[in-house]
Amino acid sequence: MPIEKILILEDDLIVRKHLEQQLRHRRYDVASAPTLGAAQEYLAKDSFDLLIADVRLPDGESTELLRELQTRPSRPLVVMISGFGTVESAVECMRCGAFDYLIKPFSAEQLEMTLKKAEEFTQLMKVNQYLSHDEDSESGYELLGRAPVMEQLRELIRKVARTQATVLIQGESGTGKELVARALYRGSPRSHAPFIKVNCAAIPENLIESEFFGHERGAFTGALNKREGRFELAHGGTILLDEVSEISPTVQAKLLRVLQERELERVGGGRTIKVDVRVIATTNRHLEESVARKDFRQDLFFRLNVVPIRIAPLRERCEDIPLLAEQFLQRFARKHGVHVHGFKPNCLKALQTHPWPGNVRELQNVIERAVILCPDGESLKVEDLGLTKPFRMGSVGDDPGMEGSRLSTMAELERKHIMRALQVSAGNRTHAAKVLDISVRTLRKKLSDYALEERSEGAEAELAENEVVNQEA
C-alpha cells in the first residue's frame, strides 16, 4: 500500500475526529494535530505519506507549512481543505505544492477519490524513482535467431505471456534470460504496470531481504527512513528475480510465503502487506541439482517451476551466429560512429567454430570490441575479433600444475584455475561460478581467501590473462 501514514491538521474537533474515523476505517495509520506547531512536532519525529491540512489555523496558515515542506528531500503529499474556499486560495495552494484542494463539507466519495488519486500518484513516483536508477542494458534488444529452438521458444513465450503463471527461465549465462522475461512481460495483460528487476546475485546477502520486502525506519543501522521493497514497487505488475538460486535459505523461506500467500512484512515491521505481482525467476544453474544438494528449498522450486522455460546455449544454434553477428555489427557501428563493411569470410568461419562459453553476451562483446578496433571503412578480420585460443595441455613444462620443476600446491592450482575461469568469462563472476560449478557466494569467498576480492572484475580478468601468457611463454 503506497500510502500508510496520514497526518490530519485541523482545528475543528468534530471535523478532525470524523476524518480520523473515516481514515482508520480504511486501515490507515492516523495522527492528528489542531495547530501548526503540533503538526511540525509530528513531522519532525516521524515520516508521513499524506498530510490533510486546513488552510486557516489558530497559529497561522497551512500554506506556510506547505512551502517549508517543499524544501525537504522526503515529504508527504498535501491535500488542503477549507470551509472558505475560493479560486484564489486554491490556486495559491497548488502553486505552493499542494496535491489537491477540497472544500468543506466534502463527501466520503470525494475523500475516497482523492485518496485513490494519491495512492496511484505515490506508487507511480516510487516506481519511476526506482527505474531512474536501474541500468537496463537489455532494453531495446530482441530475441534474434531463425534456429528451430528459437522459433519454439518464441511460440512458448506467446502462449505463456498472456497467463498469470509463475515462470522459471533456465539457461547458461549470456543466453538472454532477461530478454525472455521482458518478452513475457510485454505480451502480458500487466504490460502497462511496473516491471521490477532484482539481481539476486549482485545484492549482498545481508541486504537482500530489505531489497525484497523493504524496511521500516530504524529497522537497522542506516535505516533512516521507511523504504518499500521491490515486491511492493511491483504491485499490480511483474517482478523478475534474476539468478534466484543465489538467495540464502532464510530469504528462500520468506519468498515462499510471498508466493503462497501474496503477502509480506517489511524488515522491522509488523504490518502485513498484500501484494499482487506476477513472478518470473531466472537461474543459470540446474535447480533440480541444487535441490538434491539441499542448497535450494524443494517447495520453493515447485512454486517457481510452474512453467519452465529453457534457453539453448549459442553452441546449440550455430546457424544463428552470422545473423546475430551482423545485427551486432550494425548496432555498434551506429553507436560508435564507425564505418565497417561486413565480415571477411574467414572471420565468419572463426565465429562459427568458437565454443562461445559466454553465449550471446560474449558474441556481442566480441563484435563491439572488433568494431571499435577495425580501421574505418574496412571489413572485420579474424585479428579484430581477439578470440582467445582454448587452453591446451602439452608437455610437462606446459603443465599448469608445474612451477618450473616444482609441483604446484593445491591452493596455487585453485587460484590459477579461478583466474582462468574469470578470463574465459570476461570477468563476469556469475558465469565464472557456473564454469567452476560453484555458487557465486563460494566464488566470492575464494576470491577473498586469495586476496582478490578488492580487485575489479576487469582487473581479475586481466590478471588471469597475464598469468596464462606467462605460462605459455
Protein backbone atom coordinates (compact mmCIF):
# COMPACT_ATOMS: atom_id res chain seq x y z
CA MET A 1 0.00 0.00 0.00
CA PRO A 2 1.80 3.20 -1.15
CA ILE A 3 0.08 5.38 1.48
CA GLU A 4 0.12 4.14 5.08
CA LYS A 5 0.56 7.06 7.49
CA ILE A 6 -1.63 10.15 7.33
CA LEU A 7 -1.41 13.33 9.43
CA ILE A 8 -4.56 15.44 9.86
CA LEU A 9 -4.08 19.15 10.60
CA GLU A 10 -7.48 20.54 11.57
CA ASP A 11 -8.52 22.81 14.45
CA ASP A 12 -12.23 21.87 14.35
CA LEU A 13 -12.55 18.94 16.77
CA ILE A 14 -15.67 17.46 15.12
CA VAL A 15 -14.20 17.55 11.61
CA ARG A 16 -10.87 16.17 12.88
CA LYS A 17 -12.46 13.21 14.69
CA HIS A 18 -14.71 12.46 11.72
CA LEU A 19 -11.71 12.37 9.38
CA GLU A 20 -9.79 10.14 11.80
CA GLN A 21 -12.69 7.69 11.89
CA GLN A 22 -13.03 7.56 8.11
CA LEU A 23 -9.32 7.03 7.53
CA ARG A 24 -8.86 4.41 10.27
CA HIS A 25 -11.84 2.55 8.80
CA ARG A 26 -9.78 2.34 5.60
CA ARG A 27 -6.88 0.88 7.67
CA TYR A 28 -4.54 3.88 7.56
CA ASP A 29 -2.29 4.84 10.47
CA VAL A 30 -3.60 8.26 11.51
CA ALA A 31 -2.23 11.07 13.69
CA SER A 32 -3.94 14.42 14.17
CA ALA A 33 -2.94 17.90 15.28
CA PRO A 34 -5.01 21.07 15.96
CA THR A 35 -2.21 23.60 15.27
CA LEU A 36 0.78 24.19 13.01
CA GLY A 37 3.15 23.79 15.95
CA ALA A 38 1.76 20.39 16.89
CA ALA A 39 1.90 19.24 13.27
CA GLN A 40 5.56 20.29 12.97
CA GLU A 41 6.38 18.23 16.05
CA TYR A 42 4.81 15.15 14.43
CA LEU A 43 6.66 15.77 11.16
CA ALA A 44 9.99 16.19 12.99
CA LYS A 45 9.86 12.80 14.71
CA ASP A 46 8.08 10.64 12.11
CA SER A 47 7.53 10.37 8.36
CA PHE A 48 4.06 10.59 6.81
CA ASP A 49 2.83 9.72 3.35
CA LEU A 50 -0.07 12.19 3.28
CA LEU A 51 -0.95 15.42 5.09
CA ILE A 52 -4.56 16.65 5.12
CA ALA A 53 -4.43 20.27 6.31
CA ASP A 54 -7.00 23.03 6.87
CA VAL A 55 -5.88 26.28 5.27
CA ARG A 56 -6.66 28.51 8.26
CA LEU A 57 -5.46 27.56 11.74
CA PRO A 58 -5.25 29.33 15.12
CA ASP A 59 -1.49 29.91 14.82
CA GLY A 60 -1.23 30.72 11.11
CA GLU A 61 -1.99 29.39 7.64
CA SER A 62 -1.02 25.94 6.37
CA THR A 63 0.48 27.44 3.22
CA GLU A 64 3.50 28.38 5.38
CA LEU A 65 4.00 24.73 6.32
CA LEU A 66 3.35 23.71 2.71
CA ARG A 67 6.17 25.94 1.44
CA GLU A 68 8.53 24.64 4.13
CA LEU A 69 7.78 21.01 3.24
CA GLN A 70 8.82 21.58 -0.39
CA THR A 71 12.42 22.13 0.74
CA ARG A 72 12.64 18.66 2.30
CA PRO A 73 14.06 15.74 0.28
CA SER A 74 11.39 13.41 1.68
CA ARG A 75 7.96 14.97 2.08
CA PRO A 76 4.31 13.87 2.21
CA LEU A 77 1.68 14.69 -0.35
CA VAL A 78 -0.50 17.53 0.92
CA VAL A 79 -4.27 17.84 0.48
CA MET A 80 -5.59 21.26 1.53
CA ILE A 81 -9.13 21.66 2.87
CA SER A 82 -11.08 24.83 3.56
CA GLY A 83 -14.55 25.95 4.55
CA PHE A 84 -13.99 29.30 2.82
CA GLY A 85 -12.66 28.05 -0.49
CA THR A 86 -12.03 30.49 -3.29
CA VAL A 87 -10.38 30.18 -6.67
CA GLU A 88 -7.54 32.42 -5.49
CA SER A 89 -6.96 30.28 -2.39
CA ALA A 90 -6.96 27.06 -4.40
CA VAL A 91 -4.52 28.47 -6.97
CA GLU A 92 -2.18 29.71 -4.22
CA CYS A 93 -2.17 26.28 -2.52
CA MET A 94 -1.44 24.45 -5.77
CA ARG A 95 1.40 26.86 -6.53
CA CYS A 96 2.88 26.10 -3.13
CA GLY A 97 2.90 22.38 -3.91
CA ALA A 98 -0.46 21.02 -2.77
CA PHE A 99 -1.59 17.77 -4.40
CA ASP A 100 -5.32 18.52 -4.17
CA TYR A 101 -7.79 21.01 -2.71
CA LEU A 102 -11.14 20.11 -1.11
CA ILE A 103 -13.91 22.46 0.03
CA LYS A 104 -15.70 21.60 3.28
CA PRO A 105 -18.06 19.92 3.74
CA PHE A 106 -16.87 17.19 1.35
CA SER A 107 -18.46 13.77 0.95
CA ALA A 108 -16.97 10.38 1.71
CA GLU A 109 -16.91 9.72 -2.05
CA GLN A 110 -14.84 12.88 -2.66
CA LEU A 111 -12.38 11.83 0.03
CA GLU A 112 -12.22 8.31 -1.41
CA MET A 113 -11.45 9.68 -4.87
CA THR A 114 -8.70 11.94 -3.52
CA LEU A 115 -7.12 9.06 -1.60
CA LYS A 116 -7.23 6.85 -4.68
CA LYS A 117 -5.51 9.51 -6.79
CA ALA A 118 -2.88 10.00 -4.09
CA GLU A 119 -2.25 6.23 -3.89
CA GLU A 120 -1.78 5.95 -7.66
CA PHE A 121 0.46 9.03 -7.80
CA THR A 122 2.64 7.80 -4.93
CA GLN A 123 3.03 4.34 -6.50
CA LEU A 124 3.96 5.90 -9.84
CA MET A 125 6.54 8.21 -8.27
CA LYS A 126 8.20 5.38 -6.33
CA VAL A 127 8.38 3.12 -9.37
CA ASN A 128 9.80 5.94 -11.51
CA GLN A 129 12.38 6.73 -8.83
CA TYR A 130 13.49 3.10 -8.85
CA LEU A 131 13.57 2.86 -12.63
CA SER A 132 15.60 6.06 -12.95
CA HIS A 133 18.45 4.29 -11.14
CA ASP A 134 18.03 0.99 -12.98
CA GLU A 135 20.64 0.47 -15.68
CA ASP A 136 18.64 -1.51 -18.20
CA SER A 137 21.38 -2.68 -20.56
CA GLU A 138 18.98 -5.10 -22.29
CA SER A 139 16.29 -2.55 -23.23
CA GLY A 140 15.52 -2.40 -26.92
CA TYR A 141 17.12 -5.79 -27.63
CA GLU A 142 15.06 -8.59 -29.14
CA LEU A 143 15.29 -12.37 -29.27
CA LEU A 144 17.07 -12.92 -32.58
CA GLY A 145 17.55 -16.20 -34.39
CA ARG A 146 15.99 -18.48 -37.01
CA ALA A 147 17.06 -21.80 -35.49
CA PRO A 148 14.17 -24.22 -34.71
CA VAL A 149 14.85 -23.94 -30.96
CA MET A 150 14.38 -20.16 -31.16
CA GLU A 151 11.10 -20.50 -33.08
CA GLN A 152 9.87 -22.93 -30.43
CA LEU A 153 10.96 -20.51 -27.70
CA ARG A 154 9.06 -17.59 -29.25
CA GLU A 155 5.94 -19.74 -29.62
CA LEU A 156 6.16 -20.81 -25.96
CA ILE A 157 6.54 -17.16 -24.88
CA ARG A 158 3.40 -16.21 -26.82
CA LYS A 159 1.40 -18.95 -25.05
CA VAL A 160 2.68 -18.25 -21.54
CA ALA A 161 2.78 -14.44 -21.67
CA ARG A 162 -1.00 -13.98 -21.62
CA THR A 163 -1.37 -16.01 -18.42
CA GLN A 164 -0.63 -15.10 -14.79
CA ALA A 165 1.54 -18.20 -14.25
CA THR A 166 4.86 -18.06 -12.42
CA VAL A 167 7.73 -18.79 -14.84
CA LEU A 168 11.21 -20.22 -14.22
CA ILE A 169 13.70 -19.43 -17.00
CA GLN A 170 16.82 -21.61 -17.02
CA GLY A 171 19.85 -21.15 -19.23
CA GLU A 172 23.58 -20.53 -19.19
CA SER A 173 24.92 -17.06 -18.51
CA GLY A 174 24.65 -14.81 -21.54
CA THR A 175 21.85 -16.71 -23.31
CA GLY A 176 19.31 -13.90 -22.92
CA LYS A 177 17.20 -14.94 -19.94
CA GLU A 178 16.26 -11.34 -19.16
CA LEU A 179 15.19 -10.80 -22.78
CA VAL A 180 12.80 -13.75 -22.44
CA ALA A 181 11.46 -12.29 -19.17
CA ARG A 182 10.86 -8.92 -20.81
CA ALA A 183 9.14 -10.59 -23.76
CA LEU A 184 6.81 -12.35 -21.31
CA TYR A 185 6.11 -9.02 -19.62
CA ARG A 186 5.44 -7.12 -22.86
CA GLY A 187 2.98 -9.79 -24.04
CA SER A 188 1.10 -9.98 -20.73
CA PRO A 189 -2.04 -8.18 -19.50
CA ARG A 190 0.29 -6.45 -16.99
CA SER A 191 2.39 -4.78 -19.71
CA HIS A 192 1.24 -1.28 -18.62
CA ALA A 193 2.09 -1.97 -14.95
CA PRO A 194 5.59 -1.89 -13.36
CA PHE A 195 8.32 -4.35 -14.36
CA ILE A 196 10.78 -4.54 -11.46
CA LYS A 197 14.04 -6.47 -11.64
CA VAL A 198 16.04 -7.83 -8.69
CA ASN A 199 19.55 -9.13 -9.40
CA CYS A 200 19.81 -11.63 -6.55
CA ALA A 201 23.48 -12.37 -7.26
CA ALA A 202 24.54 -8.71 -7.11
CA ILE A 203 22.91 -7.75 -3.79
CA PRO A 204 24.88 -8.51 -0.57
CA GLU A 205 23.30 -11.29 1.47
CA ASN A 206 22.65 -9.04 4.47
CA LEU A 207 20.69 -6.56 2.32
CA ILE A 208 18.68 -8.79 0.04
CA GLU A 209 15.78 -9.21 2.48
CA SER A 210 15.43 -5.44 2.72
CA GLU A 211 15.60 -5.16 -1.09
CA PHE A 212 12.88 -7.79 -1.49
CA PHE A 213 10.48 -6.72 1.24
CA GLY A 214 11.53 -3.19 2.28
CA HIS A 215 12.22 -1.95 5.80
CA GLU A 216 10.78 0.35 8.42
CA ARG A 217 12.55 3.38 9.80
CA GLY A 218 15.08 2.32 12.45
CA ALA A 219 14.91 -1.36 11.47
CA PHE A 220 18.73 -1.45 11.35
CA THR A 221 21.68 0.91 11.39
CA GLY A 222 21.35 3.30 8.49
CA ALA A 223 17.60 2.80 8.02
CA LEU A 224 16.78 6.48 8.44
CA ASN A 225 13.51 6.32 6.52
CA LYS A 226 10.88 3.79 5.61
CA ARG A 227 11.58 2.09 2.27
CA GLU A 228 9.34 -0.02 0.07
CA GLY A 229 10.80 -3.27 -1.22
CA ARG A 230 10.83 -4.45 -4.81
CA PHE A 231 7.70 -6.57 -4.32
CA GLU A 232 5.74 -3.50 -3.22
CA LEU A 233 7.07 -1.49 -6.16
CA ALA A 234 5.93 -4.26 -8.50
CA HIS A 235 2.38 -4.27 -7.07
CA GLY A 236 -0.03 -4.80 -9.95
CA GLY A 237 2.83 -5.68 -12.31
CA THR A 238 5.67 -8.16 -12.73
CA ILE A 239 8.81 -8.85 -10.69
CA LEU A 240 11.90 -10.52 -12.17
CA LEU A 241 14.04 -12.47 -9.70
CA ASP A 242 17.29 -12.71 -11.66
CA GLU A 243 19.59 -15.57 -10.56
CA VAL A 244 17.14 -16.67 -7.88
CA SER A 245 19.38 -19.65 -6.97
CA GLU A 246 21.78 -17.26 -5.19
CA ILE A 247 19.45 -16.25 -2.32
CA SER A 248 20.06 -17.59 1.17
CA PRO A 249 17.85 -20.26 2.82
CA THR A 250 16.36 -17.65 5.20
CA VAL A 251 15.19 -15.44 2.36
CA GLN A 252 14.04 -18.52 0.43
CA ALA A 253 11.59 -19.29 3.26
CA LYS A 254 10.21 -15.74 3.24
CA LEU A 255 9.98 -15.71 -0.54
CA LEU A 256 7.98 -18.93 -0.38
CA ARG A 257 5.46 -17.19 1.88
CA VAL A 258 5.05 -14.34 -0.60
CA LEU A 259 4.45 -16.78 -3.44
CA GLN A 260 1.94 -18.78 -1.40
CA GLU A 261 0.05 -16.05 0.46
CA ARG A 262 0.82 -12.97 -1.69
CA GLU A 263 1.65 -11.01 1.44
CA LEU A 264 4.80 -9.84 3.21
CA GLU A 265 6.16 -7.87 6.15
CA ARG A 266 8.89 -5.27 5.95
CA VAL A 267 12.12 -5.76 7.90
CA GLY A 268 11.49 -4.33 11.36
CA GLY A 269 7.73 -4.05 10.79
CA GLY A 270 4.67 -5.93 11.95
CA ARG A 271 2.17 -4.81 9.31
CA THR A 272 1.09 -7.45 6.77
CA ILE A 273 1.14 -6.00 3.28
CA LYS A 274 -0.82 -7.63 0.45
CA VAL A 275 0.88 -7.65 -2.96
CA ASP A 276 -0.41 -8.58 -6.39
CA VAL A 277 2.58 -9.50 -8.55
CA ARG A 278 3.46 -11.95 -11.27
CA VAL A 279 6.80 -13.64 -10.55
CA ILE A 280 9.35 -14.54 -13.21
CA ALA A 281 12.59 -16.12 -12.00
CA THR A 282 15.83 -16.90 -13.83
CA THR A 283 18.82 -19.08 -12.99
CA ASN A 284 21.98 -20.24 -14.75
CA ARG A 285 22.13 -23.36 -12.58
CA HIS A 286 20.24 -26.66 -12.64
CA LEU A 287 17.90 -26.06 -9.70
CA GLU A 288 16.98 -29.74 -9.53
CA GLU A 289 20.62 -30.47 -8.64
CA SER A 290 20.63 -27.61 -6.10
CA VAL A 291 17.51 -29.10 -4.52
CA ALA A 292 19.20 -32.51 -4.35
CA ARG A 293 22.23 -30.92 -2.61
CA LYS A 294 19.88 -29.11 -0.15
CA ASP A 295 21.12 -25.73 -1.41
CA PHE A 296 17.64 -24.75 -2.60
CA ARG A 297 14.27 -25.46 -1.00
CA GLN A 298 12.25 -28.08 -2.83
CA ASP A 299 8.91 -26.44 -2.03
CA LEU A 300 10.15 -23.09 -3.37
CA PHE A 301 11.40 -24.82 -6.53
CA PHE A 302 7.93 -26.28 -7.11
CA ARG A 303 6.35 -22.84 -6.60
CA LEU A 304 8.69 -21.23 -9.11
CA ASN A 305 8.71 -24.04 -11.66
CA VAL A 306 5.05 -23.74 -12.70
CA VAL A 307 6.06 -23.05 -16.31
CA PRO A 308 9.72 -23.95 -17.02
CA ILE A 309 11.47 -22.33 -19.99
CA ARG A 310 14.92 -23.47 -21.11
CA ILE A 311 17.08 -21.31 -23.36
CA ALA A 312 19.51 -23.15 -25.62
CA PRO A 313 23.18 -22.08 -25.45
CA LEU A 314 24.67 -20.50 -28.56
CA ARG A 315 26.73 -23.61 -29.39
CA GLU A 316 23.43 -25.49 -29.95
CA ARG A 317 22.27 -22.99 -32.59
CA CYS A 318 25.43 -22.13 -34.51
CA GLU A 319 23.33 -21.34 -37.61
CA ASP A 320 22.21 -18.14 -35.85
CA ILE A 321 25.75 -16.80 -35.32
CA PRO A 322 26.06 -14.98 -38.71
CA LEU A 323 22.67 -13.30 -38.21
CA LEU A 324 23.50 -12.25 -34.65
CA ALA A 325 26.96 -11.06 -35.61
CA GLU A 326 25.58 -8.92 -38.47
CA GLN A 327 22.94 -7.39 -36.20
CA PHE A 328 25.54 -6.57 -33.55
CA LEU A 329 27.89 -5.13 -36.16
CA GLN A 330 25.24 -2.72 -37.45
CA ARG A 331 24.17 -1.74 -33.94
CA PHE A 332 27.68 -0.97 -32.66
CA ALA A 333 28.79 0.70 -35.88
CA ARG A 334 25.94 3.20 -35.40
CA LYS A 335 26.65 3.53 -31.68
CA HIS A 336 30.36 4.30 -32.10
CA GLY A 337 30.16 6.12 -35.44
CA VAL A 338 32.39 3.61 -37.25
CA HIS A 339 32.00 2.62 -40.93
CA VAL A 340 32.52 -1.15 -41.20
CA HIS A 341 31.86 -3.13 -44.40
CA GLY A 342 30.79 -6.51 -43.05
CA PHE A 343 32.97 -9.56 -42.31
CA LYS A 344 35.80 -11.25 -44.12
CA PRO A 345 34.85 -14.89 -45.00
CA ASN A 346 37.44 -16.36 -42.62
CA CYS A 347 36.11 -14.07 -39.89
CA LEU A 348 32.61 -15.60 -40.04
CA LYS A 349 34.17 -19.08 -40.05
CA ALA A 350 36.13 -18.25 -36.89
CA LEU A 351 32.93 -17.01 -35.23
CA GLN A 352 31.06 -20.22 -36.07
CA THR A 353 33.82 -22.52 -34.80
CA HIS A 354 34.37 -20.69 -31.49
CA PRO A 355 32.75 -22.53 -28.49
CA TRP A 356 31.21 -19.32 -27.01
CA PRO A 357 31.19 -20.21 -23.29
CA GLY A 358 29.71 -16.76 -22.64
CA ASN A 359 27.00 -17.31 -25.27
CA VAL A 360 25.25 -14.37 -26.97
CA ARG A 361 26.62 -11.83 -24.49
CA GLU A 362 30.19 -12.93 -25.29
CA LEU A 363 29.48 -12.69 -29.03
CA GLN A 364 28.02 -9.23 -28.51
CA ASN A 365 31.10 -8.06 -26.60
CA VAL A 366 33.49 -9.56 -29.17
CA ILE A 367 31.72 -7.80 -32.06
CA GLU A 368 31.62 -4.47 -30.22
CA ARG A 369 35.36 -4.66 -29.49
CA ALA A 370 36.08 -5.66 -33.09
CA VAL A 371 34.04 -2.74 -34.48
CA ILE A 372 35.94 -0.30 -32.27
CA LEU A 373 39.35 -1.68 -33.30
CA CYS A 374 38.58 -2.12 -37.01
CA PRO A 375 40.05 0.61 -39.28
CA ASP A 376 37.34 2.91 -40.64
CA GLY A 377 35.88 1.75 -43.97
CA GLU A 378 37.27 -1.80 -43.84
CA SER A 379 35.77 -5.23 -43.15
CA LEU A 380 36.23 -7.13 -39.91
CA LYS A 381 39.14 -9.58 -39.92
CA VAL A 382 39.90 -12.53 -37.62
CA GLU A 383 42.58 -10.46 -35.90
CA ASP A 384 39.96 -7.83 -34.94
CA LEU A 385 37.94 -10.40 -33.02
CA GLY A 386 40.64 -11.12 -30.44
CA LEU A 387 39.26 -14.60 -29.74
CA THR A 388 41.36 -16.49 -27.19
CA LYS A 389 42.54 -19.98 -28.03
CA PRO A 390 41.36 -22.81 -25.79
CA PHE A 391 43.90 -23.90 -23.19
CA ARG A 392 45.94 -26.89 -24.41
CA MET A 393 47.73 -29.44 -22.27
CA GLY A 394 51.25 -30.04 -23.58
CA SER A 395 54.49 -31.38 -22.17
CA VAL A 396 55.40 -31.38 -18.50
CA GLY A 397 56.86 -27.91 -18.91
CA ASP A 398 53.45 -26.70 -20.14
CA ASP A 399 51.57 -28.41 -17.36
CA PRO A 400 49.61 -25.85 -15.31
CA GLY A 401 50.39 -27.91 -12.25
CA MET A 402 54.12 -27.30 -12.61
CA GLU A 403 56.10 -24.25 -11.49
CA GLY A 404 59.39 -24.89 -13.30
CA SER A 405 60.47 -28.25 -11.88
CA ARG A 406 58.31 -27.84 -8.75
CA LEU A 407 54.82 -29.29 -8.44
CA SER A 408 52.24 -26.60 -7.60
CA THR A 409 50.28 -26.75 -4.36
CA MET A 410 46.50 -27.30 -4.40
CA ALA A 411 45.95 -23.70 -3.32
CA GLU A 412 48.09 -22.42 -6.21
CA LEU A 413 46.25 -24.62 -8.68
CA GLU A 414 42.87 -23.49 -7.38
CA ARG A 415 43.84 -19.83 -7.50
CA LYS A 416 45.07 -20.08 -11.10
CA HIS A 417 42.04 -22.11 -12.14
CA ILE A 418 39.73 -19.43 -10.72
CA MET A 419 41.62 -16.73 -12.60
CA ARG A 420 41.37 -18.72 -15.83
CA ALA A 421 37.61 -19.05 -15.29
CA LEU A 422 37.37 -15.28 -14.83
CA GLN A 423 39.34 -14.78 -18.03
CA VAL A 424 37.09 -17.11 -20.02
CA SER A 425 34.06 -15.32 -18.55
CA ALA A 426 35.44 -11.85 -19.37
CA GLY A 427 35.43 -11.01 -15.66
CA ASN A 428 31.75 -11.98 -15.15
CA ARG A 429 31.65 -13.64 -11.72
CA THR A 430 28.23 -15.22 -12.23
CA HIS A 431 29.40 -17.00 -15.37
CA ALA A 432 32.76 -17.88 -13.81
CA ALA A 433 30.91 -19.56 -10.93
CA LYS A 434 28.88 -21.52 -13.48
CA VAL A 435 32.04 -22.64 -15.32
CA LEU A 436 33.57 -23.75 -12.00
CA ASP A 437 30.29 -25.39 -10.92
CA ILE A 438 30.18 -23.47 -7.64
CA SER A 439 27.84 -20.79 -6.30
CA VAL A 440 28.61 -17.09 -6.62
CA ARG A 441 28.88 -16.89 -2.82
CA THR A 442 31.54 -19.64 -2.85
CA LEU A 443 33.43 -17.82 -5.60
CA ARG A 444 33.37 -14.58 -3.62
CA LYS A 445 34.78 -16.44 -0.59
CA LYS A 446 37.56 -17.94 -2.72
CA LEU A 447 38.44 -14.51 -4.12
CA SER A 448 38.57 -13.16 -0.59
CA ASP A 449 40.76 -16.08 0.57
CA TYR A 450 43.23 -15.39 -2.22
CA ALA A 451 43.22 -11.63 -1.61
CA LEU A 452 41.47 -10.97 -4.93
CA GLU A 453 38.18 -9.60 -3.55
CA GLU A 454 39.16 -5.95 -3.78
CA ARG A 455 40.18 -6.21 -7.42
CA SER A 456 37.63 -5.14 -10.01
CA GLU A 457 36.23 -7.84 -12.26
CA GLY A 458 38.16 -6.33 -15.16
CA ALA A 459 41.39 -6.43 -13.14
CA GLU A 460 40.78 -10.08 -12.27
CA ALA A 461 40.32 -10.96 -15.95
CA GLU A 462 43.49 -9.03 -16.87
CA LEU A 463 45.48 -10.77 -14.12
CA ALA A 464 44.29 -14.18 -15.31
CA GLU A 465 45.26 -13.38 -18.90
CA ASN A 466 48.73 -12.25 -17.85
CA GLU A 467 49.34 -15.45 -15.91
CA VAL A 468 48.27 -17.64 -18.83
CA VAL A 469 50.56 -15.69 -21.19
CA ASN A 470 53.47 -16.09 -18.74
CA GLN A 471 52.93 -19.83 -18.54
CA GLU A 472 52.71 -20.25 -22.32
CA ALA A 473 55.87 -18.18 -22.67
